[in-house]
PDB file of N, CA and C in Angstrom:
ATOM      1  N   UNK A   1       6.976   7.366 -27.825  1.00  0.00           N
ATOM      2  CA  UNK A   1       7.878   6.752 -28.076  1.00  0.00           C
ATOM      3  C   UNK A   1       7.661   5.180 -27.418  1.00  0.00           C
ATOM      4  N   UNK A   2       7.819   4.110 -28.044  1.00  0.00           N
ATOM      5  CA  UNK A   2       7.759   2.600 -27.796  1.00  0.00           C
ATOM      6  C   UNK A   2       8.985   2.297 -27.161  1.00  0.00           C
ATOM      7  N   UNK A   3       8.598   1.254 -26.782  1.00  0.00           N
ATOM      8  CA  UNK A   3       9.613   0.121 -25.959  1.00  0.00           C
ATOM      9  C   UNK A   3      11.079   0.113 -26.420  1.00  0.00           C
ATOM     10  N   UNK A   4      11.162   0.058 -28.034  1.00  0.00           N
ATOM     11  CA  UNK A   4      12.539  -0.243 -28.512  1.00  0.00           C
ATOM     12  C   UNK A   4      13.056   1.547 -28.942  1.00  0.00           C
ATOM     13  N   UNK A   5      12.328   2.333 -28.913  1.00  0.00           N
ATOM     14  CA  UNK A   5      12.632   3.796 -28.783  1.00  0.00           C
ATOM     15  C   UNK A   5      13.674   4.224 -27.346  1.00  0.00           C
ATOM     16  N   UNK A   6      12.840   3.776 -26.483  1.00  0.00           N
ATOM     17  CA  UNK A   6      13.483   4.035 -25.022  1.00  0.00           C
ATOM     18  C   UNK A   6      14.921   2.792 -24.939  1.00  0.00           C
ATOM     19  N   UNK A   7      14.869   1.852 -25.347  1.00  0.00           N
ATOM     20  CA  UNK A   7      15.681   0.858 -25.206  1.00  0.00           C
ATOM     21  C   UNK A   7      17.164   1.391 -25.895  1.00  0.00           C
ATOM     22  N   UNK A   8      16.700   1.685 -27.164  1.00  0.00           N
ATOM     23  CA  UNK A   8      17.658   2.465 -27.965  1.00  0.00           C
ATOM     24  C   UNK A   8      18.402   3.559 -27.528  1.00  0.00           C
ATOM     25  N   UNK A   9      17.591   4.261 -26.872  1.00  0.00           N
ATOM     26  CA  UNK A   9      18.213   5.800 -26.057  1.00  0.00           C
ATOM     27  C   UNK A   9      19.086   5.128 -25.122  1.00  0.00           C
ATOM     28  N   UNK A  10      18.909   4.227 -24.079  1.00  0.00           N
ATOM     29  CA  UNK A  10      19.553   3.881 -23.002  1.00  0.00           C
ATOM     30  C   UNK A  10      20.695   3.130 -23.626  1.00  0.00           C
ATOM     31  N   UNK A  11      20.814   2.361 -24.669  1.00  0.00           N
ATOM     32  CA  UNK A  11      21.924   1.699 -25.338  1.00  0.00           C
ATOM     33  C   UNK A  11      23.047   2.850 -25.843  1.00  0.00           C
ATOM     34  N   UNK A  12      22.332   3.834 -26.265  1.00  0.00           N
ATOM     35  CA  UNK A  12      23.488   4.829 -26.811  1.00  0.00           C
ATOM     36  C   UNK A  12      24.031   5.848 -25.758  1.00  0.00           C
ATOM     37  N   UNK A  13      23.218   5.722 -24.678  1.00  0.00           N
ATOM     38  CA  UNK A  13      23.744   7.099 -23.516  1.00  0.00           C
ATOM     39  C   UNK A  13      23.912   6.246 -22.521  1.00  0.00           C
ATOM     40  N   UNK A  14      23.590   5.031 -21.982  1.00  0.00           N
ATOM     41  CA  UNK A  14      23.715   4.452 -20.656  1.00  0.00           C
ATOM     42  C   UNK A  14      24.778   3.148 -20.653  1.00  0.00           C
ATOM     43  N   UNK A  15      25.419   3.153 -19.575  1.00  0.00           N
ATOM     44  CA  UNK A  15      26.161   2.140 -19.343  1.00  0.00           C
ATOM     45  C   UNK A  15      25.546   1.139 -18.439  1.00  0.00           C
ATOM     46  N   UNK A  16      25.634  -0.364 -18.864  1.00  0.00           N
ATOM     47  CA  UNK A  16      25.250  -1.446 -18.283  1.00  0.00           C
ATOM     48  C   UNK A  16      26.439  -2.234 -17.463  1.00  0.00           C
ATOM     49  N   UNK A  17      25.832  -2.813 -16.543  1.00  0.00           N
ATOM     50  CA  UNK A  17      26.800  -3.854 -15.647  1.00  0.00           C
ATOM     51  C   UNK A  17      26.035  -5.245 -16.089  1.00  0.00           C
ATOM     52  N   UNK A  18      24.947  -5.277 -16.975  1.00  0.00           N
ATOM     53  CA  UNK A  18      24.440  -6.477 -17.225  1.00  0.00           C
ATOM     54  C   UNK A  18      23.201  -6.083 -17.986  1.00  0.00           C
ATOM     55  N   UNK A  19      22.752  -6.956 -18.854  1.00  0.00           N
ATOM     56  CA  UNK A  19      22.022  -6.673 -19.929  1.00  0.00           C
ATOM     57  C   UNK A  19      20.046  -6.537 -19.430  1.00  0.00           C
ATOM     58  N   UNK A  20      19.637  -5.634 -19.258  1.00  0.00           N
ATOM     59  CA  UNK A  20      18.665  -5.693 -18.803  1.00  0.00           C
ATOM     60  C   UNK A  20      17.364  -6.653 -19.767  1.00  0.00           C
ATOM     61  N   UNK A  21      16.164  -7.014 -19.029  1.00  0.00           N
ATOM     62  CA  UNK A  21      15.153  -7.490 -19.912  1.00  0.00           C
ATOM     63  C   UNK A  21      14.698  -6.556 -20.655  1.00  0.00           C
ATOM     64  N   UNK A  22      13.931  -6.911 -21.786  1.00  0.00           N
ATOM     65  CA  UNK A  22      13.572  -5.933 -23.073  1.00  0.00           C
ATOM     66  C   UNK A  22      12.171  -5.624 -22.628  1.00  0.00           C
ATOM     67  N   UNK A  23      11.908  -5.210 -21.570  1.00  0.00           N
ATOM     68  CA  UNK A  23      10.745  -4.514 -21.265  1.00  0.00           C
ATOM     69  C   UNK A  23      11.004  -2.821 -20.406  1.00  0.00           C
ATOM     70  N   UNK A  24      10.331  -2.273 -20.887  1.00  0.00           N
ATOM     71  CA  UNK A  24      10.370  -0.732 -20.676  1.00  0.00           C
ATOM     72  C   UNK A  24       9.205  -0.367 -19.630  1.00  0.00           C
ATOM     73  N   UNK A  25       9.092  -0.250 -18.111  1.00  0.00           N
ATOM     74  CA  UNK A  25       8.244  -0.292 -17.244  1.00  0.00           C
ATOM     75  C   UNK A  25       8.023   1.449 -17.187  1.00  0.00           C
ATOM     76  N   UNK A  26       6.780   1.718 -16.990  1.00  0.00           N
ATOM     77  CA  UNK A  26       6.181   3.272 -17.002  1.00  0.00           C
ATOM     78  C   UNK A  26       5.869   3.101 -15.615  1.00  0.00           C
ATOM     79  N   UNK A  27       4.780   2.503 -14.827  1.00  0.00           N
ATOM     80  CA  UNK A  27       4.278   2.714 -13.864  1.00  0.00           C
ATOM     81  C   UNK A  27       3.963   1.453 -12.955  1.00  0.00           C
ATOM     82  N   UNK A  28       3.632   1.499 -11.789  1.00  0.00           N
ATOM     83  CA  UNK A  28       3.254   0.150 -10.986  1.00  0.00           C
ATOM     84  C   UNK A  28       2.498   0.937  -9.709  1.00  0.00           C
ATOM     85  N   UNK A  29       1.759  -0.588  -9.564  1.00  0.00           N
ATOM     86  CA  UNK A  29       0.455  -0.471  -8.370  1.00  0.00           C
ATOM     87  C   UNK A  29       0.599  -1.775  -7.672  1.00  0.00           C
ATOM     88  N   UNK A  30       0.884  -1.866  -6.491  1.00  0.00           N
ATOM     89  CA  UNK A  30       1.104  -2.769  -5.623  1.00  0.00           C
ATOM     90  C   UNK A  30       1.819  -3.847  -6.346  1.00  0.00           C
ATOM     91  N   UNK A  31       1.524  -5.230  -6.673  1.00  0.00           N
ATOM     92  CA  UNK A  31       2.400  -6.061  -7.070  1.00  0.00           C
ATOM     93  C   UNK A  31       2.577  -6.152  -8.751  1.00  0.00           C
ATOM     94  N   UNK A  32       2.125  -5.155  -9.125  1.00  0.00           N
ATOM     95  CA  UNK A  32       1.971  -5.080 -10.741  1.00  0.00           C
ATOM     96  C   UNK A  32       2.679  -3.644 -11.394  1.00  0.00           C
ATOM     97  N   UNK A  33       3.285  -4.039 -12.517  1.00  0.00           N
ATOM     98  CA  UNK A  33       3.801  -2.934 -13.251  1.00  0.00           C
ATOM     99  C   UNK A  33       3.405  -3.129 -14.652  1.00  0.00           C
ATOM    100  N   UNK A  34       3.498  -1.703 -15.148  1.00  0.00           N
ATOM    101  CA  UNK A  34       2.968  -1.814 -16.840  1.00  0.00           C
ATOM    102  C   UNK A  34       4.003  -0.882 -17.371  1.00  0.00           C
ATOM    103  N   UNK A  35       4.122  -1.632 -18.811  1.00  0.00           N
ATOM    104  CA  UNK A  35       5.252  -1.235 -19.866  1.00  0.00           C
ATOM    105  C   UNK A  35       4.439  -0.234 -20.399  1.00  0.00           C
ATOM    106  N   UNK A  36       5.430   0.466 -21.301  1.00  0.00           N
ATOM    107  CA  UNK A  36       4.976   1.736 -22.113  1.00  0.00           C
ATOM    108  C   UNK A  36       3.901   1.472 -23.174  1.00  0.00           C
ATOM    109  N   UNK A  37       3.705   0.271 -23.502  1.00  0.00           N
ATOM    110  CA  UNK A  37       2.485  -0.330 -24.322  1.00  0.00           C
ATOM    111  C   UNK A  37       1.539  -0.292 -23.629  1.00  0.00           C
ATOM    112  N   UNK A  38       1.493  -0.502 -22.149  1.00  0.00           N
ATOM    113  CA  UNK A  38       0.326  -0.938 -21.280  1.00  0.00           C
ATOM    114  C   UNK A  38       0.114  -2.337 -21.026  1.00  0.00           C
ATOM    115  N   UNK A  39       0.962  -3.102 -21.123  1.00  0.00           N
ATOM    116  CA  UNK A  39       0.690  -4.611 -20.882  1.00  0.00           C
ATOM    117  C   UNK A  39       1.348  -4.423 -19.133  1.00  0.00           C
ATOM    118  N   UNK A  40       0.295  -5.391 -18.575  1.00  0.00           N
ATOM    119  CA  UNK A  40       0.863  -5.545 -17.570  1.00  0.00           C
ATOM    120  C   UNK A  40       1.369  -6.710 -17.017  1.00  0.00           C
ATOM    121  N   UNK A  41       2.319  -6.662 -15.705  1.00  0.00           N
ATOM    122  CA  UNK A  41       3.355  -7.687 -15.454  1.00  0.00           C
ATOM    123  C   UNK A  41       3.097  -7.899 -13.819  1.00  0.00           C
ATOM    124  N   UNK A  42       3.368  -9.211 -13.500  1.00  0.00           N
ATOM    125  CA  UNK A  42       3.396  -9.311 -12.118  1.00  0.00           C
ATOM    126  C   UNK A  42       4.876  -8.931 -11.676  1.00  0.00           C
ATOM    127  N   UNK A  43       5.282  -8.237 -10.697  1.00  0.00           N
ATOM    128  CA  UNK A  43       6.545  -7.928 -10.799  1.00  0.00           C
ATOM    129  C   UNK A  43       7.298  -8.739  -9.496  1.00  0.00           C
ATOM    130  N   UNK A  44       7.449 -10.072 -10.246  1.00  0.00           N
ATOM    131  CA  UNK A  44       8.453 -10.838  -9.592  1.00  0.00           C
ATOM    132  C   UNK A  44       9.755 -10.395  -8.680  1.00  0.00           C
ATOM    133  N   UNK A  45      10.219  -9.382  -9.837  1.00  0.00           N
ATOM    134  CA  UNK A  45      11.452  -8.873  -9.096  1.00  0.00           C
ATOM    135  C   UNK A  45      11.680  -7.794  -7.792  1.00  0.00           C
ATOM    136  N   UNK A  46      10.577  -7.333  -7.796  1.00  0.00           N
ATOM    137  CA  UNK A  46      10.300  -5.918  -6.514  1.00  0.00           C
ATOM    138  C   UNK A  46      11.527  -5.185  -6.538  1.00  0.00           C
ATOM    139  N   UNK A  47      12.278  -4.985  -7.777  1.00  0.00           N
ATOM    140  CA  UNK A  47      13.341  -4.046  -7.522  1.00  0.00           C
ATOM    141  C   UNK A  47      14.085  -4.794  -6.437  1.00  0.00           C
ATOM    142  N   UNK A  48      14.579  -5.993  -6.767  1.00  0.00           N
ATOM    143  CA  UNK A  48      15.470  -6.895  -6.055  1.00  0.00           C
ATOM    144  C   UNK A  48      15.082  -6.707  -4.236  1.00  0.00           C
ATOM    145  N   UNK A  49      13.789  -6.613  -4.200  1.00  0.00           N
ATOM    146  CA  UNK A  49      13.418  -6.611  -2.921  1.00  0.00           C
ATOM    147  C   UNK A  49      13.260  -5.188  -2.178  1.00  0.00           C
ATOM    148  N   UNK A  50      13.639  -4.097  -3.147  1.00  0.00           N
ATOM    149  CA  UNK A  50      13.407  -2.980  -2.518  1.00  0.00           C
ATOM    150  C   UNK A  50      12.161  -2.350  -2.428  1.00  0.00           C
ATOM    151  N   UNK A  51      11.182  -2.793  -3.021  1.00  0.00           N
ATOM    152  CA  UNK A  51       9.957  -2.551  -3.102  1.00  0.00           C
ATOM    153  C   UNK A  51       9.028  -3.914  -2.906  1.00  0.00           C
ATOM    154  N   UNK A  52       9.297  -4.369  -1.574  1.00  0.00           N
ATOM    155  CA  UNK A  52       8.643  -5.874  -1.445  1.00  0.00           C
ATOM    156  C   UNK A  52       6.983  -5.408  -0.818  1.00  0.00           C
ATOM    157  N   UNK A  53       7.009  -4.307  -0.356  1.00  0.00           N
ATOM    158  CA  UNK A  53       5.641  -3.516  -0.182  1.00  0.00           C
ATOM    159  C   UNK A  53       4.532  -3.167  -0.913  1.00  0.00           C
ATOM    160  N   UNK A  54       5.289  -3.494  -2.556  1.00  0.00           N
ATOM    161  CA  UNK A  54       4.181  -3.205  -3.461  1.00  0.00           C
ATOM    162  C   UNK A  54       4.754  -1.823  -4.074  1.00  0.00           C
ATOM    163  N   UNK A  55       4.513  -1.545  -5.348  1.00  0.00           N
ATOM    164  CA  UNK A  55       4.917  -0.307  -5.955  1.00  0.00           C
ATOM    165  C   UNK A  55       3.495   0.810  -5.608  1.00  0.00           C
ATOM    166  N   UNK A  56       3.890   1.825  -5.092  1.00  0.00           N
ATOM    167  CA  UNK A  56       2.760   3.122  -4.971  1.00  0.00           C
ATOM    168  C   UNK A  56       1.895   2.955  -3.744  1.00  0.00           C
ATOM    169  N   UNK A  57       2.554   2.253  -2.273  1.00  0.00           N
ATOM    170  CA  UNK A  57       1.646   2.011  -1.201  1.00  0.00           C
ATOM    171  C   UNK A  57       1.123   3.492  -0.742  1.00  0.00           C
ATOM    172  N   UNK A  58      -0.013   3.129  -0.643  1.00  0.00           N
ATOM    173  CA  UNK A  58      -0.622   4.503  -0.365  1.00  0.00           C
ATOM    174  C   UNK A  58      -0.122   5.344   1.022  1.00  0.00           C
ATOM    175  N   UNK A  59       0.185   4.495   2.141  1.00  0.00           N
ATOM    176  CA  UNK A  59       0.557   4.812   3.202  1.00  0.00           C
ATOM    177  C   UNK A  59       1.988   5.384   2.948  1.00  0.00           C
ATOM    178  N   UNK A  60       3.122   4.668   2.315  1.00  0.00           N
ATOM    179  CA  UNK A  60       4.480   5.227   2.062  1.00  0.00           C
ATOM    180  C   UNK A  60       4.357   6.471   1.335  1.00  0.00           C
ATOM    181  N   UNK A  61       3.594   6.741   0.112  1.00  0.00           N
ATOM    182  CA  UNK A  61       3.346   7.563  -0.311  1.00  0.00           C
ATOM    183  C   UNK A  61       3.052   9.219   0.148  1.00  0.00           C
ATOM    184  N   UNK A  62       1.928   8.790   1.183  1.00  0.00           N
ATOM    185  CA  UNK A  62       1.512   9.657   2.301  1.00  0.00           C
ATOM    186  C   UNK A  62       2.515  10.250   2.981  1.00  0.00           C
ATOM    187  N   UNK A  63       3.605   9.274   3.846  1.00  0.00           N
ATOM    188  CA  UNK A  63       4.733   9.637   4.276  1.00  0.00           C
ATOM    189  C   UNK A  63       5.538  10.489   3.505  1.00  0.00           C
ATOM    190  N   UNK A  64       5.855  10.057   2.458  1.00  0.00           N
ATOM    191  CA  UNK A  64       6.992  10.654   1.546  1.00  0.00           C
ATOM    192  C   UNK A  64       6.638  12.084   1.388  1.00  0.00           C
ATOM    193  N   UNK A  65       5.249  12.195   1.144  1.00  0.00           N
ATOM    194  CA  UNK A  65       4.549  13.579   0.501  1.00  0.00           C
ATOM    195  C   UNK A  65       4.966  14.370   1.607  1.00  0.00           C
ATOM    196  N   UNK A  66       4.356  13.910   2.843  1.00  0.00           N
ATOM    197  CA  UNK A  66       4.391  14.780   4.217  1.00  0.00           C
ATOM    198  C   UNK A  66       5.776  15.257   4.594  1.00  0.00           C
ATOM    199  N   UNK A  67       6.538  14.127   4.420  1.00  0.00           N
ATOM    200  CA  UNK A  67       7.904  14.654   4.895  1.00  0.00           C
ATOM    201  C   UNK A  67       8.536  15.720   3.488  1.00  0.00           C
ATOM    202  N   UNK A  68       8.530  15.453   2.423  1.00  0.00           N
ATOM    203  CA  UNK A  68       8.777  16.257   1.441  1.00  0.00           C
ATOM    204  C   UNK A  68       7.865  18.030   1.460  1.00  0.00           C
ATOM    205  N   UNK A  69       6.809  17.674   1.990  1.00  0.00           N
ATOM    206  CA  UNK A  69       6.498  19.177   2.277  1.00  0.00           C
ATOM    207  C   UNK A  69       6.876  20.075   3.252  1.00  0.00           C
ATOM    208  N   UNK A  70       7.561  19.247   4.235  1.00  0.00           N
ATOM    209  CA  UNK A  70       8.188  19.744   5.448  1.00  0.00           C
ATOM    210  C   UNK A  70       9.710  19.848   5.163  1.00  0.00           C
ATOM    211  N   UNK A  71      10.538  18.882   4.882  1.00  0.00           N
ATOM    212  CA  UNK A  71      11.823  19.166   4.853  1.00  0.00           C
ATOM    213  C   UNK A  71      12.313  18.037   3.951  1.00  0.00           C
ATOM    214  N   UNK A  72      12.894  18.042   2.542  1.00  0.00           N
ATOM    215  CA  UNK A  72      13.373  17.129   1.401  1.00  0.00           C
ATOM    216  C   UNK A  72      14.530  16.147   1.902  1.00  0.00           C
ATOM    217  N   UNK A  73      15.666  17.113   2.177  1.00  0.00           N
ATOM    218  CA  UNK A  73      16.729  16.427   2.582  1.00  0.00           C
ATOM    219  C   UNK A  73      17.802  17.351   3.326  1.00  0.00           C
ATOM    220  N   UNK A  74      18.626  17.066   4.504  1.00  0.00           N
ATOM    221  CA  UNK A  74      19.704  17.726   5.063  1.00  0.00           C
ATOM    222  C   UNK A  74      20.987  16.815   4.761  1.00  0.00           C
ATOM    223  N   UNK A  75      21.851  17.686   4.894  1.00  0.00           N
ATOM    224  CA  UNK A  75      23.211  17.236   4.980  1.00  0.00           C
ATOM    225  C   UNK A  75      23.597  16.876   6.396  1.00  0.00           C
ATOM    226  N   UNK A  76      24.504  15.791   6.379  1.00  0.00           N
ATOM    227  CA  UNK A  76      24.549  15.024   7.808  1.00  0.00           C
ATOM    228  C   UNK A  76      25.771  16.387   8.365  1.00  0.00           C
ATOM    229  N   UNK A  77      26.116  17.537   8.071  1.00  0.00           N
ATOM    230  CA  UNK A  77      26.658  18.406   8.431  1.00  0.00           C
ATOM    231  C   UNK A  77      25.638  19.249   9.636  1.00  0.00           C
ATOM    232  N   UNK A  78      24.518  19.033   9.476  1.00  0.00           N
ATOM    233  CA  UNK A  78      23.442  19.327  10.483  1.00  0.00           C
ATOM    234  C   UNK A  78      22.453  18.361  11.164  1.00  0.00           C
ATOM    235  N   UNK A  79      22.228  18.686  12.136  1.00  0.00           N
ATOM    236  CA  UNK A  79      21.375  17.658  12.898  1.00  0.00           C
ATOM    237  C   UNK A  79      20.045  17.977  12.314  1.00  0.00           C
ATOM    238  N   UNK A  80      18.959  16.947  12.606  1.00  0.00           N
ATOM    239  CA  UNK A  80      17.576  17.488  12.280  1.00  0.00           C
ATOM    240  C   UNK A  80      16.732  16.529  13.004  1.00  0.00           C
ATOM    241  N   UNK A  81      15.514  16.869  13.190  1.00  0.00           N
ATOM    242  CA  UNK A  81      14.640  16.832  14.109  1.00  0.00           C
ATOM    243  C   UNK A  81      13.964  15.529  13.891  1.00  0.00           C
ATOM    244  N   UNK A  82      14.489  14.390  13.028  1.00  0.00           N
ATOM    245  CA  UNK A  82      13.836  12.873  13.012  1.00  0.00           C
ATOM    246  C   UNK A  82      15.133  11.618  13.266  1.00  0.00           C
ATOM    247  N   UNK A  83      16.393  12.278  12.790  1.00  0.00           N
ATOM    248  CA  UNK A  83      17.205  11.102  13.031  1.00  0.00           C
ATOM    249  C   UNK A  83      17.434  10.774  14.198  1.00  0.00           C
ATOM    250  N   UNK A  84      17.797  11.454  15.488  1.00  0.00           N
ATOM    251  CA  UNK A  84      17.937  10.569  16.549  1.00  0.00           C
ATOM    252  C   UNK A  84      16.827   9.945  16.746  1.00  0.00           C
ATOM    253  N   UNK A  85      15.611  10.164  16.704  1.00  0.00           N
ATOM    254  CA  UNK A  85      14.548   9.321  16.733  1.00  0.00           C
ATOM    255  C   UNK A  85      14.586   7.881  16.460  1.00  0.00           C
ATOM    256  N   UNK A  86      15.009   7.881  14.843  1.00  0.00           N
ATOM    257  CA  UNK A  86      15.408   6.950  14.077  1.00  0.00           C
ATOM    258  C   UNK A  86      16.638   6.111  14.737  1.00  0.00           C
ATOM    259  N   UNK A  87      17.412   6.407  15.114  1.00  0.00           N
ATOM    260  CA  UNK A  87      18.707   5.818  15.791  1.00  0.00           C
ATOM    261  C   UNK A  87      18.581   5.081  16.734  1.00  0.00           C
ATOM    262  N   UNK A  88      17.641   5.886  17.898  1.00  0.00           N
ATOM    263  CA  UNK A  88      16.878   5.369  18.834  1.00  0.00           C
ATOM    264  C   UNK A  88      16.468   3.874  18.449  1.00  0.00           C
ATOM    265  N   UNK A  89      15.473   4.454  17.864  1.00  0.00           N
ATOM    266  CA  UNK A  89      14.559   2.958  17.406  1.00  0.00           C
ATOM    267  C   UNK A  89      15.356   1.638  16.735  1.00  0.00           C
ATOM    268  N   UNK A  90      16.073   2.166  15.956  1.00  0.00           N
ATOM    269  CA  UNK A  90      16.827   1.119  15.202  1.00  0.00           C
ATOM    270  C   UNK A  90      18.020   0.399  16.291  1.00  0.00           C
ATOM    271  N   UNK A  91      18.680   1.162  17.063  1.00  0.00           N
ATOM    272  CA  UNK A  91      19.563   0.600  18.372  1.00  0.00           C
ATOM    273  C   UNK A  91      18.732  -0.391  19.106  1.00  0.00           C
ATOM    274  N   UNK A  92      17.568   0.276  19.691  1.00  0.00           N
ATOM    275  CA  UNK A  92      16.968  -0.577  20.651  1.00  0.00           C
ATOM    276  C   UNK A  92      16.473  -1.974  19.908  1.00  0.00           C
ATOM    277  N   UNK A  93      15.968  -1.642  18.618  1.00  0.00           N
ATOM    278  CA  UNK A  93      15.229  -2.940  17.946  1.00  0.00           C
ATOM    279  C   UNK A  93      16.459  -3.962  17.778  1.00  0.00           C
ATOM    280  N   UNK A  94      17.620  -3.630  17.610  1.00  0.00           N
ATOM    281  CA  UNK A  94      18.521  -4.494  16.847  1.00  0.00           C
ATOM    282  C   UNK A  94      19.305  -5.044  18.325  1.00  0.00           C
ATOM    283  N   UNK A  95      19.473  -4.091  19.031  1.00  0.00           N
ATOM    284  CA  UNK A  95      20.366  -4.355  20.405  1.00  0.00           C
ATOM    285  C   UNK A  95      21.848  -3.894  19.910  1.00  0.00           C
ATOM    286  N   UNK A  96      21.868  -2.883  18.895  1.00  0.00           N
ATOM    287  CA  UNK A  96      23.154  -2.094  18.841  1.00  0.00           C
ATOM    288  C   UNK A  96      23.495  -1.142  19.943  1.00  0.00           C
ATOM    289  N   UNK A  97      24.540  -0.770  20.018  1.00  0.00           N
ATOM    290  CA  UNK A  97      25.082   1.010  20.767  1.00  0.00           C
ATOM    291  C   UNK A  97      25.005   1.885  20.152  1.00  0.00           C
ATOM    292  N   UNK A  98      25.239   1.745  18.676  1.00  0.00           N
ATOM    293  CA  UNK A  98      25.001   2.875  17.814  1.00  0.00           C
ATOM    294  C   UNK A  98      24.644   2.495  16.571  1.00  0.00           C
ATOM    295  N   UNK A  99      24.297   3.279  15.606  1.00  0.00           N
ATOM    296  CA  UNK A  99      23.821   3.193  14.298  1.00  0.00           C
ATOM    297  C   UNK A  99      24.343   4.319  13.190  1.00  0.00           C
ATOM    298  N   UNK A 100      24.970   4.085  12.174  1.00  0.00           N
ATOM    299  CA  UNK A 100      25.438   5.075  11.341  1.00  0.00           C
ATOM    300  C   UNK A 100      24.680   4.827   9.796  1.00  0.00           C
ATOM    301  N   UNK A 101      23.378   5.271   9.739  1.00  0.00           N
ATOM    302  CA  UNK A 101      22.856   5.208   8.582  1.00  0.00           C
ATOM    303  C   UNK A 101      23.546   5.521   7.084  1.00  0.00           C
ATOM    304  N   UNK A 102      23.254   4.756   6.281  1.00  0.00           N
ATOM    305  CA  UNK A 102      24.090   5.154   5.045  1.00  0.00           C
ATOM    306  C   UNK A 102      23.174   5.071   3.678  1.00  0.00           C
ATOM    307  N   UNK A 103      23.355   5.722   2.669  1.00  0.00           N
ATOM    308  CA  UNK A 103      22.306   5.697   1.318  1.00  0.00           C
ATOM    309  C   UNK A 103      22.512   4.421   0.819  1.00  0.00           C
ATOM    310  N   UNK A 104      23.643   3.642   0.911  1.00  0.00           N
ATOM    311  CA  UNK A 104      23.627   2.267   0.125  1.00  0.00           C
ATOM    312  C   UNK A 104      24.578   1.318   1.043  1.00  0.00           C
ATOM    313  N   UNK A 105      24.701  -0.099   0.299  1.00  0.00           N
ATOM    314  CA  UNK A 105      25.316  -0.832   0.705  1.00  0.00           C
ATOM    315  C   UNK A 105      26.691  -0.658   0.826  1.00  0.00           C
ATOM    316  N   UNK A 106      27.067  -0.118  -0.306  1.00  0.00           N
ATOM    317  CA  UNK A 106      28.804   0.329  -0.692  1.00  0.00           C
ATOM    318  C   UNK A 106      29.007   1.253   0.298  1.00  0.00           C
ATOM    319  N   UNK A 107      28.610   2.083   0.564  1.00  0.00           N
ATOM    320  CA  UNK A 107      28.738   3.414   1.561  1.00  0.00           C
ATOM    321  C   UNK A 107      28.901   2.614   2.949  1.00  0.00           C
ATOM    322  N   UNK A 108      28.177   1.747   3.309  1.00  0.00           N
ATOM    323  CA  UNK A 108      28.418   0.891   4.540  1.00  0.00           C
ATOM    324  C   UNK A 108      29.621  -0.026   4.757  1.00  0.00           C
ATOM    325  N   UNK A 109      29.743  -0.582   3.392  1.00  0.00           N
ATOM    326  CA  UNK A 109      30.977  -1.293   3.453  1.00  0.00           C
ATOM    327  C   UNK A 109      32.137  -0.593   3.556  1.00  0.00           C
ATOM    328  N   UNK A 110      31.948   0.714   2.974  1.00  0.00           N
ATOM    329  CA  UNK A 110      33.459   1.661   2.948  1.00  0.00           C
ATOM    330  C   UNK A 110      33.719   2.266   4.362  1.00  0.00           C
ATOM    331  N   UNK A 111      32.754   2.493   5.015  1.00  0.00           N
ATOM    332  CA  UNK A 111      32.694   3.089   6.199  1.00  0.00           C
ATOM    333  C   UNK A 111      32.955   1.964   7.284  1.00  0.00           C
ATOM    334  N   UNK A 112      32.698   0.662   7.052  1.00  0.00           N
ATOM    335  CA  UNK A 112      33.238  -0.583   8.291  1.00  0.00           C
ATOM    336  C   UNK A 112      34.887  -0.855   7.754  1.00  0.00           C
ATOM    337  N   UNK A 113      35.127  -0.437   6.600  1.00  0.00           N
ATOM    338  CA  UNK A 113      36.414  -0.912   6.456  1.00  0.00           C
ATOM    339  C   UNK A 113      37.603   0.590   6.886  1.00  0.00           C
ATOM    340  N   UNK A 114      37.100   1.579   7.118  1.00  0.00           N
ATOM    341  CA  UNK A 114      37.360   2.985   7.489  1.00  0.00           C
ATOM    342  C   UNK A 114      37.752   2.314   9.206  1.00  0.00           C
TER     343      UNK A 114
END
């Protein structure tokens, strides 16, 4: 498939809240991304700063694989062996009494309003 094929498929089946740039990304490494045709771009958007460390950083991949090999995801209906340590670090680092991690900013906003 080429870029136009991927774009057409998204236009048919996907809902958009804005019009994406007509570039179909396929892979990334460090500050660069490549489209499905193999053209390299400097990723100035960095997924809106979500990947400001660069794409496919080896230390992050190592940590992800290590954790995925141990335990992928738990529900908050259970305790797990790493959340308390993370909560302690965050509260001490920022001077908070407590922290409630969320998946997205929207969840954080909703919880704050409750």
